[in-house]
């Protein structure tokens, strides 16, 4: 059986996004909750991979890491300034149509 996506949010993610996802029953871990504030992008991606969590980010640097072949559990990217409601709807849709295996080393753009 396919495993449901669990998210890990980067430092720039608004608290409202994690709160909104949790209200909808989604397993989400934030960078501050994980005690990973200030960790490098490579460290953040490696942590998310170890935890089998898809990284949600608004930071272009993660896209460069993906393009360089850095292994990860999956990534979801949206531009800076997107409203929390739009982000939550997009993350929920991804979770409904894809599973953790399909997200491995894959980027979805919102």
N, C-alpha and C. Protein backbone atom coordinates (compact mmCIF):
# COMPACT_ATOMS: atom_id res chain seq x y z
N UNK A 1 0.84 -1.20 0.00
CA UNK A 1 0.00 0.00 0.00
C UNK A 1 0.88 1.24 0.00
N UNK A 2 0.49 2.24 -0.77
CA UNK A 2 1.25 3.48 -0.89
C UNK A 2 1.22 4.27 0.42
N UNK A 3 2.36 4.87 0.74
CA UNK A 3 2.47 5.66 1.97
C UNK A 3 2.11 7.11 1.70
N UNK A 4 1.33 7.68 2.60
CA UNK A 4 0.88 9.06 2.49
C UNK A 4 2.04 10.02 2.71
N UNK A 5 2.02 11.10 1.98
CA UNK A 5 3.04 12.15 2.11
C UNK A 5 2.94 12.80 3.48
N UNK A 6 4.10 12.98 4.10
CA UNK A 6 4.25 13.78 5.32
C UNK A 6 5.14 14.95 4.94
N UNK A 7 4.85 16.14 5.44
CA UNK A 7 5.58 17.33 5.05
C UNK A 7 6.57 17.81 6.11
N UNK A 8 7.60 18.48 5.62
CA UNK A 8 8.57 19.22 6.44
C UNK A 8 8.67 20.59 5.82
N UNK A 9 8.43 21.64 6.62
CA UNK A 9 8.44 23.00 6.07
C UNK A 9 9.76 23.70 6.37
N UNK A 10 10.21 24.50 5.42
CA UNK A 10 11.46 25.23 5.65
C UNK A 10 11.22 26.44 6.55
N UNK A 11 12.29 27.15 6.85
CA UNK A 11 12.24 28.26 7.82
C UNK A 11 11.33 29.39 7.39
N UNK A 12 11.13 29.56 6.10
CA UNK A 12 10.36 30.70 5.60
C UNK A 12 8.86 30.45 5.58
N UNK A 13 8.45 29.27 5.88
CA UNK A 13 7.02 28.91 5.81
C UNK A 13 6.24 29.57 6.94
N UNK A 14 5.12 30.16 6.59
CA UNK A 14 4.25 30.79 7.59
C UNK A 14 3.64 29.74 8.51
N UNK A 15 3.53 30.08 9.79
CA UNK A 15 2.92 29.16 10.77
C UNK A 15 1.51 28.76 10.36
N UNK A 16 0.80 29.67 9.70
CA UNK A 16 -0.58 29.39 9.29
C UNK A 16 -0.66 28.19 8.35
N UNK A 17 0.37 27.96 7.57
CA UNK A 17 0.36 26.83 6.65
C UNK A 17 0.39 25.51 7.43
N UNK A 18 1.32 25.39 8.36
CA UNK A 18 1.40 24.17 9.17
C UNK A 18 0.12 23.98 9.98
N UNK A 19 -0.40 25.05 10.54
CA UNK A 19 -1.63 24.95 11.33
C UNK A 19 -2.80 24.49 10.47
N UNK A 20 -2.90 25.07 9.28
CA UNK A 20 -3.99 24.69 8.37
C UNK A 20 -3.89 23.25 7.92
N UNK A 21 -2.69 22.79 7.65
CA UNK A 21 -2.51 21.39 7.26
C UNK A 21 -2.88 20.45 8.41
N UNK A 22 -2.46 20.80 9.59
CA UNK A 22 -2.77 19.95 10.76
C UNK A 22 -4.28 19.87 11.00
N UNK A 23 -4.98 20.98 10.81
CA UNK A 23 -6.44 20.97 10.97
C UNK A 23 -7.10 20.01 9.99
N UNK A 24 -6.39 19.72 8.92
CA UNK A 24 -6.91 18.80 7.90
C UNK A 24 -6.34 17.39 8.05
N UNK A 25 -5.66 17.14 9.17
CA UNK A 25 -5.17 15.81 9.47
C UNK A 25 -3.85 15.43 8.84
N UNK A 26 -3.09 16.43 8.38
CA UNK A 26 -1.81 16.17 7.72
C UNK A 26 -0.69 16.16 8.74
N UNK A 27 0.23 15.20 8.60
CA UNK A 27 1.43 15.12 9.43
C UNK A 27 2.44 16.11 8.86
N UNK A 28 2.71 17.17 9.62
CA UNK A 28 3.65 18.20 9.17
C UNK A 28 4.58 18.56 10.32
N UNK A 29 5.85 18.72 10.00
CA UNK A 29 6.88 19.11 10.96
C UNK A 29 7.52 20.39 10.44
N UNK A 30 7.65 21.38 11.31
CA UNK A 30 8.28 22.64 10.90
C UNK A 30 9.76 22.64 11.29
N UNK A 31 10.52 23.48 10.64
CA UNK A 31 11.94 23.60 10.94
C UNK A 31 12.17 23.95 12.41
N UNK A 32 11.46 24.94 12.98
CA UNK A 32 11.67 25.25 14.40
C UNK A 32 11.33 24.07 15.32
N UNK A 33 10.25 23.35 15.02
CA UNK A 33 9.87 22.21 15.85
C UNK A 33 10.94 21.12 15.82
N UNK A 34 11.60 20.99 14.69
CA UNK A 34 12.65 19.98 14.55
C UNK A 34 13.98 20.44 15.13
N UNK A 35 14.04 21.70 15.60
CA UNK A 35 15.29 22.24 16.14
C UNK A 35 16.36 22.43 15.08
N UNK A 36 15.94 22.78 13.86
CA UNK A 36 16.87 22.84 12.73
C UNK A 36 17.03 24.26 12.17
N UNK A 37 16.63 25.27 12.94
CA UNK A 37 16.81 26.65 12.47
C UNK A 37 18.30 26.91 12.21
N UNK A 38 18.61 27.51 11.10
CA UNK A 38 19.99 27.86 10.77
C UNK A 38 20.77 26.76 10.10
N UNK A 39 20.18 25.57 9.96
CA UNK A 39 20.88 24.48 9.26
C UNK A 39 20.99 24.82 7.77
N UNK A 40 22.02 24.32 7.13
CA UNK A 40 22.20 24.59 5.70
C UNK A 40 21.09 23.91 4.90
N UNK A 41 20.92 24.36 3.67
CA UNK A 41 19.92 23.75 2.81
C UNK A 41 20.19 22.26 2.61
N UNK A 42 21.46 21.91 2.44
CA UNK A 42 21.82 20.51 2.27
C UNK A 42 21.44 19.69 3.50
N UNK A 43 21.69 20.25 4.68
CA UNK A 43 21.34 19.57 5.93
C UNK A 43 19.82 19.43 6.06
N UNK A 44 19.09 20.47 5.65
CA UNK A 44 17.62 20.41 5.73
C UNK A 44 17.08 19.30 4.82
N UNK A 45 17.59 19.23 3.60
CA UNK A 45 17.13 18.19 2.67
C UNK A 45 17.50 16.79 3.15
N UNK A 46 18.70 16.65 3.68
CA UNK A 46 19.14 15.35 4.20
C UNK A 46 18.27 14.93 5.38
N UNK A 47 17.94 15.88 6.26
CA UNK A 47 17.07 15.58 7.40
C UNK A 47 15.69 15.12 6.91
N UNK A 48 15.12 15.87 5.97
CA UNK A 48 13.81 15.51 5.42
C UNK A 48 13.85 14.12 4.79
N UNK A 49 14.93 13.81 4.09
CA UNK A 49 15.06 12.49 3.47
C UNK A 49 15.10 11.38 4.53
N UNK A 50 15.91 11.60 5.59
CA UNK A 50 15.99 10.60 6.67
C UNK A 50 14.63 10.38 7.34
N UNK A 51 13.86 11.45 7.45
CA UNK A 51 12.55 11.39 8.10
C UNK A 51 11.43 11.01 7.12
N UNK A 52 11.78 10.78 5.86
CA UNK A 52 10.78 10.46 4.82
C UNK A 52 9.70 11.52 4.74
N UNK A 53 10.14 12.78 4.70
CA UNK A 53 9.22 13.91 4.61
C UNK A 53 9.50 14.71 3.35
N UNK A 54 8.45 15.11 2.69
CA UNK A 54 8.54 15.97 1.52
C UNK A 54 8.75 17.40 2.01
N UNK A 55 9.77 18.06 1.49
CA UNK A 55 10.07 19.43 1.89
C UNK A 55 9.17 20.41 1.16
N UNK A 56 8.51 21.28 1.90
CA UNK A 56 7.80 22.41 1.30
C UNK A 56 8.69 23.63 1.46
N UNK A 57 8.93 24.33 0.34
CA UNK A 57 9.83 25.48 0.38
C UNK A 57 9.38 26.58 -0.56
N UNK A 58 9.85 27.79 -0.26
CA UNK A 58 9.70 28.94 -1.13
C UNK A 58 11.08 29.51 -1.47
N UNK A 59 12.10 28.71 -1.27
CA UNK A 59 13.49 29.12 -1.44
C UNK A 59 14.07 28.48 -2.71
N UNK A 60 14.45 29.32 -3.68
CA UNK A 60 15.00 28.84 -4.96
C UNK A 60 16.26 28.00 -4.79
N UNK A 61 16.99 28.20 -3.72
CA UNK A 61 18.24 27.45 -3.51
C UNK A 61 17.98 25.94 -3.48
N UNK A 62 16.84 25.53 -2.98
CA UNK A 62 16.52 24.10 -2.94
C UNK A 62 16.34 23.54 -4.35
N UNK A 63 15.83 24.37 -5.26
CA UNK A 63 15.69 23.93 -6.65
C UNK A 63 17.05 23.68 -7.28
N UNK A 64 18.02 24.50 -6.93
CA UNK A 64 19.39 24.29 -7.44
C UNK A 64 19.97 22.98 -6.91
N UNK A 65 19.71 22.68 -5.65
CA UNK A 65 20.18 21.41 -5.10
C UNK A 65 19.55 20.23 -5.83
N UNK A 66 18.27 20.33 -6.10
CA UNK A 66 17.58 19.27 -6.85
C UNK A 66 18.22 19.12 -8.24
N UNK A 67 18.44 20.23 -8.92
CA UNK A 67 19.02 20.20 -10.26
C UNK A 67 20.43 19.61 -10.27
N UNK A 68 21.14 19.75 -9.15
CA UNK A 68 22.50 19.22 -9.06
C UNK A 68 22.52 17.72 -8.77
N UNK A 69 21.34 17.13 -8.53
CA UNK A 69 21.27 15.69 -8.28
C UNK A 69 21.25 15.32 -6.81
N UNK A 70 21.11 16.29 -5.92
CA UNK A 70 21.05 16.02 -4.48
C UNK A 70 19.82 15.15 -4.19
N UNK A 71 20.03 14.01 -3.55
CA UNK A 71 18.95 13.08 -3.23
C UNK A 71 18.02 13.68 -2.17
N UNK A 72 16.70 13.51 -2.37
CA UNK A 72 15.74 14.01 -1.39
C UNK A 72 14.46 13.18 -1.44
N UNK A 73 13.62 13.37 -0.44
CA UNK A 73 12.36 12.62 -0.33
C UNK A 73 11.24 13.27 -1.13
N UNK A 74 11.54 14.37 -1.78
CA UNK A 74 10.55 15.11 -2.56
C UNK A 74 10.52 16.55 -2.11
N UNK A 75 10.05 17.38 -3.01
CA UNK A 75 10.02 18.82 -2.74
C UNK A 75 8.77 19.42 -3.37
N UNK A 76 8.19 20.38 -2.68
CA UNK A 76 7.11 21.19 -3.24
C UNK A 76 7.58 22.63 -3.14
N UNK A 77 7.50 23.34 -4.27
CA UNK A 77 7.97 24.73 -4.33
C UNK A 77 6.84 25.65 -4.78
N UNK A 78 6.77 26.81 -4.14
CA UNK A 78 5.89 27.89 -4.58
C UNK A 78 6.63 29.20 -4.35
N UNK A 79 6.34 30.16 -5.17
CA UNK A 79 7.01 31.48 -5.09
C UNK A 79 6.76 32.16 -3.75
N UNK A 80 7.65 33.06 -3.40
CA UNK A 80 7.48 33.88 -2.19
C UNK A 80 6.21 34.71 -2.33
N UNK A 81 5.54 34.92 -1.21
CA UNK A 81 4.38 35.80 -1.19
C UNK A 81 3.06 35.13 -1.51
N UNK A 82 3.06 33.84 -1.79
CA UNK A 82 1.80 33.15 -2.05
C UNK A 82 0.99 33.11 -0.76
N UNK A 83 -0.32 33.32 -0.85
CA UNK A 83 -1.14 33.31 0.37
C UNK A 83 -1.24 31.90 0.98
N UNK A 84 -1.31 31.83 2.32
CA UNK A 84 -1.38 30.53 2.99
C UNK A 84 -2.50 29.62 2.46
N UNK A 85 -3.65 30.17 2.17
CA UNK A 85 -4.75 29.35 1.67
C UNK A 85 -4.40 28.66 0.37
N UNK A 86 -3.75 29.37 -0.53
CA UNK A 86 -3.32 28.80 -1.81
C UNK A 86 -2.30 27.68 -1.58
N UNK A 87 -1.38 27.91 -0.66
CA UNK A 87 -0.36 26.91 -0.34
C UNK A 87 -1.01 25.65 0.23
N UNK A 88 -1.90 25.83 1.18
CA UNK A 88 -2.56 24.69 1.82
C UNK A 88 -3.34 23.88 0.79
N UNK A 89 -4.11 24.56 -0.06
CA UNK A 89 -4.88 23.84 -1.08
C UNK A 89 -3.96 23.04 -2.00
N UNK A 90 -2.84 23.64 -2.41
CA UNK A 90 -1.90 22.95 -3.28
C UNK A 90 -1.26 21.74 -2.61
N UNK A 91 -0.85 21.90 -1.36
CA UNK A 91 -0.23 20.79 -0.64
C UNK A 91 -1.22 19.66 -0.40
N UNK A 92 -2.47 20.00 -0.14
CA UNK A 92 -3.50 18.98 0.04
C UNK A 92 -3.73 18.21 -1.26
N UNK A 93 -3.78 18.92 -2.37
CA UNK A 93 -3.98 18.28 -3.67
C UNK A 93 -2.84 17.30 -3.97
N UNK A 94 -1.62 17.75 -3.77
CA UNK A 94 -0.47 16.88 -4.01
C UNK A 94 -0.58 15.62 -3.16
N UNK A 95 -0.94 15.79 -1.92
CA UNK A 95 -1.06 14.65 -1.00
C UNK A 95 -2.16 13.69 -1.43
N UNK A 96 -3.20 14.20 -2.08
CA UNK A 96 -4.30 13.36 -2.53
C UNK A 96 -3.95 12.56 -3.78
N UNK A 97 -3.08 13.08 -4.64
CA UNK A 97 -2.82 12.42 -5.93
C UNK A 97 -1.47 11.72 -6.02
N UNK A 98 -0.56 12.03 -5.12
CA UNK A 98 0.77 11.40 -5.15
C UNK A 98 1.06 10.75 -3.81
N UNK A 99 1.97 9.76 -3.82
CA UNK A 99 2.39 9.16 -2.56
C UNK A 99 3.89 9.41 -2.36
N UNK A 100 4.40 8.95 -1.23
CA UNK A 100 5.81 9.22 -0.89
C UNK A 100 6.77 8.67 -1.93
N UNK A 101 6.51 7.48 -2.45
CA UNK A 101 7.41 6.92 -3.45
C UNK A 101 7.43 7.74 -4.73
N UNK A 102 6.29 8.25 -5.13
CA UNK A 102 6.21 9.07 -6.35
C UNK A 102 6.92 10.42 -6.17
N UNK A 103 7.01 10.89 -4.95
CA UNK A 103 7.66 12.18 -4.69
C UNK A 103 9.17 12.09 -4.58
N UNK A 104 9.71 10.90 -4.34
CA UNK A 104 11.15 10.75 -4.13
C UNK A 104 11.93 11.36 -5.30
N UNK A 105 12.83 12.31 -4.99
CA UNK A 105 13.68 13.01 -5.96
C UNK A 105 12.87 13.74 -7.04
N UNK A 106 11.68 14.15 -6.68
CA UNK A 106 10.76 14.85 -7.60
C UNK A 106 10.37 16.20 -6.99
N UNK A 107 10.16 17.19 -7.87
CA UNK A 107 9.70 18.50 -7.42
C UNK A 107 8.34 18.78 -8.04
N UNK A 108 7.41 19.20 -7.21
CA UNK A 108 6.11 19.69 -7.67
C UNK A 108 6.10 21.20 -7.47
N UNK A 109 5.60 21.90 -8.45
CA UNK A 109 5.50 23.36 -8.41
C UNK A 109 4.05 23.76 -8.22
N UNK A 110 3.81 24.63 -7.24
CA UNK A 110 2.46 25.16 -7.02
C UNK A 110 2.33 26.51 -7.71
